[in-house]
């Protein structure tokens, strides 16, 4: 059965661009929101509302009447704490508080591997691993996960916190383990919405990679069964990859480049991310 209304924050972003159309099929109304003036062409059943995550009043206006919120809005890179505060920390509070005030059942949240980025790549990190953020960006994800836990325990708002890894084209050796394909991203979000009961749940957003550095088994009840595997790119990627310098923390921890940058400095700048945003 379709939901009545889903809200998607961060709809103008690269990952949001792949979620908009599938979400229109899950609800009678999809309200996409971001800070851009114009989203361009909209899908059937989709409307756009410009809103700032840092404003509780604006988040309430967007979220009113929603059954669920898919929260992908954020500053999507490491930056000085002062720049992170409004969109990523205050913004998370505003989303959950607005959800509570308007009776939203569940928030599906784009968390990140960077909440646990300083764990070893070879440790087989599980969902019960303690927070070990690699940046202020990762710290903000820790805050939002703990906020989600608090709002379940104290206010009954369910959540699924998806610790997304490398949702981009596979063009480096780390991504052979950390890749999340767009199809698997969509599947993960759909399962996070469709599962009857989630309470507070954390799951790693990673495809069915032979070299995955994490264990998702404790979240199997969500029915997330990724189909894609980065191993298909291994021969080409490894043939072009340089010998790794094991003195560089980028290669030792699951946070990758974010584990090696100085606090406040961009981690994305060290990554060769192809901007293949979906165009309507």
Protein backbone atom coordinates (compact mmCIF):
# COMPACT_ATOMS: atom_id res chain seq x y z
CA UNK A 1 0.00 0.00 0.00
CA UNK A 2 1.27 3.47 -0.90
CA UNK A 3 2.03 6.00 1.79
CA UNK A 4 0.25 9.31 1.57
CA UNK A 5 3.32 11.59 1.73
CA UNK A 6 7.08 11.13 1.78
CA UNK A 7 9.52 14.02 2.23
CA UNK A 8 12.99 13.81 0.64
CA UNK A 9 15.60 16.28 1.90
CA UNK A 10 18.75 16.84 -0.15
CA UNK A 11 16.73 16.15 -3.29
CA UNK A 12 19.01 18.31 -5.47
CA UNK A 13 22.09 16.29 -4.57
CA UNK A 14 23.66 13.46 -6.57
CA UNK A 15 22.22 10.65 -4.45
CA UNK A 16 18.90 12.43 -4.08
CA UNK A 17 18.61 12.59 -7.86
CA UNK A 18 18.46 8.79 -8.01
CA UNK A 19 15.87 8.51 -5.25
CA UNK A 20 13.26 10.97 -6.47
CA UNK A 21 11.58 8.83 -9.14
CA UNK A 22 11.47 5.59 -7.07
CA UNK A 23 10.00 7.48 -4.11
CA UNK A 24 7.16 8.83 -6.26
CA UNK A 25 6.07 5.21 -6.69
CA UNK A 26 5.91 4.66 -2.93
CA UNK A 27 3.63 7.57 -2.00
CA UNK A 28 0.77 9.56 -3.42
CA UNK A 29 2.84 12.69 -2.83
CA UNK A 30 6.60 13.16 -2.78
CA UNK A 31 7.76 16.51 -1.44
CA UNK A 32 11.36 17.10 -2.48
CA UNK A 33 13.27 19.81 -0.64
CA UNK A 34 16.68 21.48 -0.85
CA UNK A 35 18.15 25.00 -0.89
CA UNK A 36 18.27 25.45 -4.67
CA UNK A 37 15.78 27.83 -6.27
CA UNK A 38 14.60 25.44 -8.96
CA UNK A 39 14.71 21.64 -9.26
CA UNK A 40 13.80 21.70 -12.94
CA UNK A 41 11.45 19.05 -14.29
CA UNK A 42 9.52 17.16 -11.62
CA UNK A 43 8.19 13.60 -11.71
CA UNK A 44 4.48 12.83 -11.53
CA UNK A 45 3.32 13.17 -7.95
CA UNK A 46 6.40 15.21 -6.95
CA UNK A 47 6.38 18.78 -5.68
CA UNK A 48 9.33 20.93 -4.66
CA UNK A 49 9.65 23.17 -1.59
CA UNK A 50 12.79 25.23 -1.07
CA UNK A 51 13.76 25.03 2.62
CA UNK A 52 16.78 25.47 4.86
CA UNK A 53 17.59 22.58 7.20
CA UNK A 54 18.82 25.14 9.73
CA UNK A 55 15.28 26.53 10.16
CA UNK A 56 12.91 24.51 12.33
CA UNK A 57 9.99 26.59 11.05
CA UNK A 58 10.81 25.74 7.43
CA UNK A 59 11.30 22.05 8.24
CA UNK A 60 7.92 21.96 9.97
CA UNK A 61 6.27 23.46 6.90
CA UNK A 62 7.81 20.82 4.64
CA UNK A 63 7.22 17.84 6.92
CA UNK A 64 3.65 18.58 8.01
CA UNK A 65 1.39 15.70 6.95
CA UNK A 66 4.25 13.33 6.04
CA UNK A 67 4.24 9.64 6.86
CA UNK A 68 8.01 9.30 6.51
CA UNK A 69 11.04 11.49 5.90
CA UNK A 70 14.02 10.35 3.81
CA UNK A 71 16.73 12.67 5.12
CA UNK A 72 19.64 13.07 2.69
CA UNK A 73 20.18 16.81 3.12
CA UNK A 74 23.57 17.90 4.52
CA UNK A 75 26.89 19.49 3.79
CA UNK A 76 28.40 16.40 2.15
CA UNK A 77 32.08 16.89 2.91
CA UNK A 78 34.44 17.66 5.76
CA UNK A 79 34.53 21.35 6.63
CA UNK A 80 35.23 23.57 9.64
CA UNK A 81 32.89 22.83 12.52
CA UNK A 82 31.20 26.23 12.24
CA UNK A 83 30.13 25.42 8.66
CA UNK A 84 28.92 21.95 9.66
CA UNK A 85 26.85 23.11 12.61
CA UNK A 86 23.70 24.46 10.93
CA UNK A 87 23.05 22.00 8.06
CA UNK A 88 24.37 18.79 9.63
CA UNK A 89 23.82 19.11 13.39
CA UNK A 90 21.09 21.70 13.95
CA UNK A 91 19.52 20.47 10.70
CA UNK A 92 19.30 16.91 12.02
CA UNK A 93 17.62 18.13 15.21
CA UNK A 94 15.16 20.19 13.16
CA UNK A 95 14.22 17.19 11.02
CA UNK A 96 13.58 14.87 13.98
CA UNK A 97 11.85 17.55 16.02
CA UNK A 98 9.59 18.52 13.11
CA UNK A 99 8.90 14.82 12.55
CA UNK A 100 7.88 14.45 16.19
CA UNK A 101 5.67 17.54 16.16
CA UNK A 102 3.81 16.35 13.07
CA UNK A 103 3.40 12.67 13.91
CA UNK A 104 5.84 11.23 11.36
CA UNK A 105 6.34 7.51 11.88
CA UNK A 106 9.92 7.07 10.62
CA UNK A 107 13.01 8.94 9.47
CA UNK A 108 15.24 7.12 6.96
CA UNK A 109 18.61 8.80 7.37
CA UNK A 110 21.68 9.00 5.16
CA UNK A 111 24.31 8.43 7.81
CA UNK A 112 27.84 7.56 6.77
CA UNK A 113 30.77 5.22 7.26
CA UNK A 114 32.53 8.29 8.63
CA UNK A 115 30.67 7.84 11.92
CA UNK A 116 32.96 4.82 12.42
CA UNK A 117 35.72 5.83 10.00
CA UNK A 118 38.65 5.26 12.36
CA UNK A 119 37.99 1.52 12.68
CA UNK A 120 40.42 -0.79 10.87
CA UNK A 121 39.68 -1.89 7.30
CA UNK A 122 40.56 -5.46 8.24
CA UNK A 123 38.54 -5.77 11.47
CA UNK A 124 35.22 -6.92 9.96
CA UNK A 125 33.40 -4.05 11.67
CA UNK A 126 29.86 -4.91 12.81
CA UNK A 127 26.82 -2.78 13.54
CA UNK A 128 27.60 -2.77 17.26
CA UNK A 129 30.98 -1.11 16.76
CA UNK A 130 31.28 2.07 18.85
CA UNK A 131 31.36 5.44 17.16
CA UNK A 132 34.85 6.44 15.99
CA UNK A 133 34.35 9.46 13.72
CA UNK A 134 37.15 10.44 11.37
CA UNK A 135 36.15 14.10 10.86
CA UNK A 136 33.73 16.79 12.03
CA UNK A 137 31.52 15.43 9.22
CA UNK A 138 31.64 11.99 10.83
CA UNK A 139 31.03 13.51 14.24
CA UNK A 140 27.83 15.12 12.92
CA UNK A 141 26.70 11.69 11.71
CA UNK A 142 27.34 10.29 15.21
CA UNK A 143 25.20 13.09 16.64
CA UNK A 144 22.35 12.34 14.24
CA UNK A 145 22.49 8.60 14.96
CA UNK A 146 22.36 9.26 18.71
CA UNK A 147 19.54 11.75 18.15
CA UNK A 148 17.63 9.08 16.22
CA UNK A 149 18.16 6.63 19.08
CA UNK A 150 16.96 9.20 21.62
CA UNK A 151 13.85 10.08 19.61
CA UNK A 152 12.94 6.39 19.38
CA UNK A 153 13.47 5.76 23.09
CA UNK A 154 11.76 8.91 24.33
CA UNK A 155 9.33 9.89 21.58
CA UNK A 156 8.61 6.77 19.53
CA UNK A 157 9.96 8.01 16.18
CA UNK A 158 11.39 5.05 14.27
CA UNK A 159 14.54 5.44 12.20
CA UNK A 160 16.88 3.60 9.88
CA UNK A 161 20.37 5.08 9.85
CA UNK A 162 22.11 3.96 6.66
CA UNK A 163 25.90 4.26 6.99
CA UNK A 164 26.58 4.87 3.32
CA UNK A 165 30.02 3.99 1.96
CA UNK A 166 31.20 4.76 -1.60
CA UNK A 167 28.06 5.47 -3.60
CA UNK A 168 29.91 6.50 -6.76
CA UNK A 169 31.68 4.91 -9.71
CA UNK A 170 34.34 2.33 -8.80
CA UNK A 171 37.68 3.88 -9.75
CA UNK A 172 40.00 3.01 -6.84
CA UNK A 173 41.00 -0.07 -4.87
CA UNK A 174 39.17 0.96 -1.67
CA UNK A 175 35.86 1.04 -3.57
CA UNK A 176 36.22 -2.67 -4.39
CA UNK A 177 35.04 -3.23 -0.82
CA UNK A 178 33.04 -0.09 -0.13
CA UNK A 179 30.97 0.42 -3.31
CA UNK A 180 27.24 1.01 -3.03
CA UNK A 181 25.60 0.95 -6.45
CA UNK A 182 22.71 3.30 -7.18
CA UNK A 183 20.39 0.32 -7.67
CA UNK A 184 21.35 -1.07 -4.26
CA UNK A 185 20.96 2.39 -2.71
CA UNK A 186 17.40 2.54 -4.03
CA UNK A 187 16.72 -0.98 -2.77
CA UNK A 188 18.08 -0.08 0.68
CA UNK A 189 15.88 3.00 0.95
CA UNK A 190 12.83 1.07 -0.27
CA UNK A 191 13.39 -1.65 2.34
CA UNK A 192 13.92 0.96 5.03
CA UNK A 193 10.49 2.35 4.17
CA UNK A 194 8.65 -0.95 3.55
CA UNK A 195 9.78 -2.88 6.63
CA UNK A 196 6.81 -2.92 9.04
CA UNK A 197 8.82 -2.28 12.23
CA UNK A 198 12.35 -0.88 12.48
CA UNK A 199 12.53 0.84 15.89
CA UNK A 200 16.04 2.40 15.87
CA UNK A 201 18.17 0.57 13.33
CA UNK A 202 21.65 1.05 11.90
CA UNK A 203 22.74 -0.63 8.66
CA UNK A 204 25.76 -0.27 6.41
CA UNK A 205 25.01 1.06 2.95
CA UNK A 206 27.27 -1.19 0.91
CA UNK A 207 26.73 -3.51 -2.04
CA UNK A 208 27.31 -7.28 -2.10
CA UNK A 209 31.07 -6.86 -2.53
CA UNK A 210 33.40 -9.81 -2.08
CA UNK A 211 35.81 -7.46 -0.28
CA UNK A 212 33.31 -5.69 2.00
CA UNK A 213 34.98 -4.57 5.26
CA UNK A 214 31.78 -4.68 7.36
CA UNK A 215 29.16 -7.10 8.68
CA UNK A 216 25.47 -6.28 8.08
CA UNK A 217 24.01 -9.52 9.41
CA UNK A 218 22.30 -7.97 12.43
CA UNK A 219 20.12 -5.86 10.12
CA UNK A 220 18.96 -8.76 7.94
CA UNK A 221 15.37 -8.25 9.14
CA UNK A 222 15.17 -5.20 6.86
CA UNK A 223 15.27 -7.53 3.87
CA UNK A 224 18.13 -5.60 2.26
CA UNK A 225 19.72 -8.02 -0.20
CA UNK A 226 22.17 -6.10 -2.42
CA UNK A 227 22.75 -7.57 -5.85
CA UNK A 228 25.75 -5.66 -7.23
CA UNK A 229 29.39 -6.60 -6.61
CA UNK A 230 32.40 -4.38 -7.23
CA UNK A 231 34.52 -7.42 -8.04
CA UNK A 232 33.57 -6.98 -11.68
CA UNK A 233 35.86 -3.93 -11.70
CA UNK A 234 38.73 -5.51 -9.76
CA UNK A 235 41.02 -6.52 -12.63
CA UNK A 236 40.93 -3.09 -14.25
CA UNK A 237 41.18 -1.12 -11.00
CA UNK A 238 44.02 -3.15 -9.53
CA UNK A 239 46.01 -3.03 -12.76
CA UNK A 240 46.03 0.77 -12.52
CA UNK A 241 46.34 1.13 -8.74
CA UNK A 242 49.64 2.30 -7.25
CA UNK A 243 51.38 0.37 -4.48
CA UNK A 244 49.76 1.50 -1.24
CA UNK A 245 51.79 3.41 1.34
CA UNK A 246 50.78 1.78 4.63
CA UNK A 247 52.08 4.78 6.55
CA UNK A 248 49.11 6.69 5.13
CA UNK A 249 46.04 6.26 7.36
CA UNK A 250 43.84 6.53 4.26
CA UNK A 251 44.66 2.88 3.53
CA UNK A 252 44.35 1.54 7.08
CA UNK A 253 40.92 2.73 8.19
CA UNK A 254 37.46 2.30 6.70
CA UNK A 255 37.00 6.07 6.47
CA UNK A 256 39.55 6.14 3.64
CA UNK A 257 40.66 9.66 2.66
CA UNK A 258 38.53 11.20 5.42
CA UNK A 259 40.65 9.32 7.96
CA UNK A 260 43.80 11.03 6.73
CA UNK A 261 42.74 14.67 6.29
CA UNK A 262 43.25 17.31 8.94
CA UNK A 263 40.06 18.32 10.72
CA UNK A 264 38.16 20.91 8.72
CA UNK A 265 39.86 20.06 5.41
CA UNK A 266 37.95 18.55 2.50
CA UNK A 267 38.01 14.78 2.17
CA UNK A 268 36.13 14.81 -1.12
CA UNK A 269 39.01 16.77 -2.68
CA UNK A 270 41.16 13.63 -2.32
CA UNK A 271 38.58 11.42 -4.05
CA UNK A 272 38.02 11.06 -7.77
CA UNK A 273 34.23 11.18 -7.59
CA UNK A 274 32.49 11.31 -10.95
CA UNK A 275 29.47 13.62 -10.88
CA UNK A 276 26.98 11.40 -12.71
CA UNK A 277 23.90 12.97 -11.19
CA UNK A 278 20.68 11.72 -12.76
CA UNK A 279 19.02 14.31 -15.00
CA UNK A 280 15.23 14.38 -15.31
